[in-house]
Amino acid sequence: MLKRLKSLFSTIQSPTQQADADIAAIAPERLLLVLGDIHGSFDLMGQAIRRVEEYVEAVPERAAQNPQLIFEGDYIDRGEQSKQVLDWI
């Protein structure tokens, strides 16, 4: 019985091992950039995107990593340019 339990638990990954596996599944060779909390501010979103572009272009290795920009959440409330934000995204 003890041998069976040991073999069962040896296949369970620790949270760190699982997190590493999850990260590897994203494609670690790819530079991921995340932009969130735009809140309907199209002008500020544009500034942020320009800063991301500058960041990527400043180091050739970053551009070689096939960068991906991910938008996450809070696109439309508070600001007055929600439509422009959604149209652009």
C-alpha atoms as a PDB file:
ATOM      1  CA  MET A   1       0.000   0.000   0.000  1.00  0.00           C
ATOM      2  CA  LEU A   2       2.765   2.455   0.930  1.00  0.00           C
ATOM      3  CA  LYS A   3       4.543   1.740  -2.344  1.00  0.00           C
ATOM      4  CA  ARG A   4       1.329   2.459  -4.261  1.00  0.00           C
ATOM      5  CA  LEU A   5       0.835   5.780  -2.418  1.00  0.00           C
ATOM      6  CA  LYS A   6       4.422   6.820  -3.085  1.00  0.00           C
ATOM      7  CA  SER A   7       4.025   6.160  -6.777  1.00  0.00           C
ATOM      8  CA  LEU A   8       0.762   8.104  -6.825  1.00  0.00           C
ATOM      9  CA  PHE A   9       2.264  11.145  -5.092  1.00  0.00           C
ATOM     10  CA  SER A  10       5.413  11.082  -7.204  1.00  0.00           C
ATOM     11  CA  THR A  11       3.317  11.984 -10.267  1.00  0.00           C
ATOM     12  CA  ILE A  12       1.754  15.051  -8.628  1.00  0.00           C
ATOM     13  CA  GLN A  13       3.501  18.300  -9.501  1.00  0.00           C
ATOM     14  CA  SER A  14       4.235  20.956  -6.944  1.00  0.00           C
ATOM     15  CA  PRO A  15       2.656  24.385  -7.539  1.00  0.00           C
ATOM     16  CA  THR A  16       6.039  25.663  -8.757  1.00  0.00           C
ATOM     17  CA  GLN A  17       6.411  22.798 -11.225  1.00  0.00           C
ATOM     18  CA  GLN A  18       2.872  23.386 -12.482  1.00  0.00           C
ATOM     19  CA  ALA A  19       3.510  27.122 -12.885  1.00  0.00           C
ATOM     20  CA  ASP A  20       6.685  26.392 -14.849  1.00  0.00           C
ATOM     21  CA  ALA A  21       4.761  24.024 -17.112  1.00  0.00           C
ATOM     22  CA  ASP A  22       2.016  26.619 -17.624  1.00  0.00           C
ATOM     23  CA  ILE A  23       4.563  29.285 -18.539  1.00  0.00           C
ATOM     24  CA  ALA A  24       6.340  26.951 -20.957  1.00  0.00           C
ATOM     25  CA  ALA A  25       3.037  26.320 -22.730  1.00  0.00           C
ATOM     26  CA  ILE A  26       2.761  30.042 -23.591  1.00  0.00           C
ATOM     27  CA  ALA A  27       5.946  29.905 -25.687  1.00  0.00           C
ATOM     28  CA  PRO A  28       8.788  31.248 -23.544  1.00  0.00           C
ATOM     29  CA  GLU A  29      10.791  32.355 -26.576  1.00  0.00           C
ATOM     30  CA  ARG A  30       8.151  35.006 -27.233  1.00  0.00           C
ATOM     31  CA  LEU A  31       8.203  38.420 -25.586  1.00  0.00           C
ATOM     32  CA  LEU A  32       4.800  39.057 -24.003  1.00  0.00           C
ATOM     33  CA  LEU A  33       3.702  42.589 -23.136  1.00  0.00           C
ATOM     34  CA  VAL A  34       0.432  43.260 -21.327  1.00  0.00           C
ATOM     35  CA  LEU A  35      -1.569  46.474 -21.364  1.00  0.00           C
ATOM     36  CA  GLY A  36      -4.618  46.867 -19.170  1.00  0.00           C
ATOM     37  CA  ASP A  37      -6.801  49.377 -17.361  1.00  0.00           C
ATOM     38  CA  ILE A  38      -7.302  51.629 -20.376  1.00  0.00           C
ATOM     39  CA  HIS A  39     -10.632  52.905 -19.004  1.00  0.00           C
ATOM     40  CA  GLY A  40     -11.765  54.632 -22.185  1.00  0.00           C
ATOM     41  CA  SER A  41      -8.637  56.793 -22.504  1.00  0.00           C
ATOM     42  CA  PHE A  42      -7.721  56.430 -26.161  1.00  0.00           C
ATOM     43  CA  ASP A  43      -5.022  59.105 -26.057  1.00  0.00           C
ATOM     44  CA  LEU A  44      -3.281  57.500 -23.089  1.00  0.00           C
ATOM     45  CA  MET A  45      -3.605  54.078 -24.698  1.00  0.00           C
ATOM     46  CA  GLY A  46      -1.819  55.460 -27.757  1.00  0.00           C
ATOM     47  CA  GLN A  47       0.974  56.821 -25.576  1.00  0.00           C
ATOM     48  CA  ALA A  48       1.335  53.470 -23.846  1.00  0.00           C
ATOM     49  CA  ILE A  49       1.500  51.634 -27.181  1.00  0.00           C
ATOM     50  CA  ARG A  50       4.193  54.034 -28.410  1.00  0.00           C
ATOM     51  CA  ARG A  51       6.197  53.368 -25.238  1.00  0.00           C
ATOM     52  CA  VAL A  52       5.843  49.619 -25.801  1.00  0.00           C
ATOM     53  CA  GLU A  53       7.085  50.071 -29.387  1.00  0.00           C
ATOM     54  CA  GLU A  54      10.064  52.107 -28.151  1.00  0.00           C
ATOM     55  CA  TYR A  55      10.831  49.450 -25.546  1.00  0.00           C
ATOM     56  CA  VAL A  56      10.820  46.692 -28.165  1.00  0.00           C
ATOM     57  CA  GLU A  57      12.802  48.653 -30.749  1.00  0.00           C
ATOM     58  CA  ALA A  58      15.469  49.772 -28.228  1.00  0.00           C
ATOM     59  CA  VAL A  59      17.000  46.280 -28.069  1.00  0.00           C
ATOM     60  CA  PRO A  60      17.165  44.176 -31.271  1.00  0.00           C
ATOM     61  CA  GLU A  61      16.862  40.939 -29.277  1.00  0.00           C
ATOM     62  CA  ARG A  62      13.410  42.011 -28.079  1.00  0.00           C
ATOM     63  CA  ALA A  63      12.135  42.471 -31.626  1.00  0.00           C
ATOM     64  CA  ALA A  64      13.609  39.091 -32.549  1.00  0.00           C
ATOM     65  CA  GLN A  65      11.446  37.463 -29.860  1.00  0.00           C
ATOM     66  CA  ASN A  66       8.313  38.024 -31.959  1.00  0.00           C
ATOM     67  CA  PRO A  67       6.677  40.295 -29.343  1.00  0.00           C
ATOM     68  CA  GLN A  68       2.992  39.956 -28.619  1.00  0.00           C
ATOM     69  CA  LEU A  69       0.913  42.728 -27.050  1.00  0.00           C
ATOM     70  CA  ILE A  70      -1.980  41.480 -24.948  1.00  0.00           C
ATOM     71  CA  PHE A  71      -4.827  43.758 -23.881  1.00  0.00           C
ATOM     72  CA  GLU A  72      -6.487  42.779 -20.633  1.00  0.00           C
ATOM     73  CA  GLY A  73      -9.581  44.273 -19.166  1.00  0.00           C
ATOM     74  CA  ASP A  74     -11.162  47.586 -18.255  1.00  0.00           C
ATOM     75  CA  TYR A  75     -11.378  49.038 -21.767  1.00  0.00           C
ATOM     76  CA  ILE A  76     -14.424  51.292 -21.521  1.00  0.00           C
ATOM     77  CA  ASP A  77     -15.345  52.869 -18.217  1.00  0.00           C
ATOM     78  CA  ARG A  78     -14.432  56.308 -16.816  1.00  0.00           C
ATOM     79  CA  GLY A  79     -12.891  57.889 -19.947  1.00  0.00           C
ATOM     80  CA  GLU A  80     -14.780  59.583 -22.754  1.00  0.00           C
ATOM     81  CA  GLN A  81     -13.081  57.726 -25.612  1.00  0.00           C
ATOM     82  CA  SER A  82     -14.406  54.222 -25.040  1.00  0.00           C
ATOM     83  CA  LYS A  83     -15.641  53.838 -28.623  1.00  0.00           C
ATOM     84  CA  GLN A  84     -12.245  54.743 -30.061  1.00  0.00           C
ATOM     85  CA  VAL A  85     -10.552  52.297 -27.705  1.00  0.00           C
ATOM     86  CA  LEU A  86     -12.845  49.454 -28.752  1.00  0.00           C
ATOM     87  CA  ASP A  87     -12.591  50.342 -32.444  1.00  0.00           C
ATOM     88  CA  TRP A  88      -8.788  50.284 -32.273  1.00  0.00           C
ATOM     89  CA  ILE A  89      -8.576  47.046 -30.277  1.00  0.00           C
END
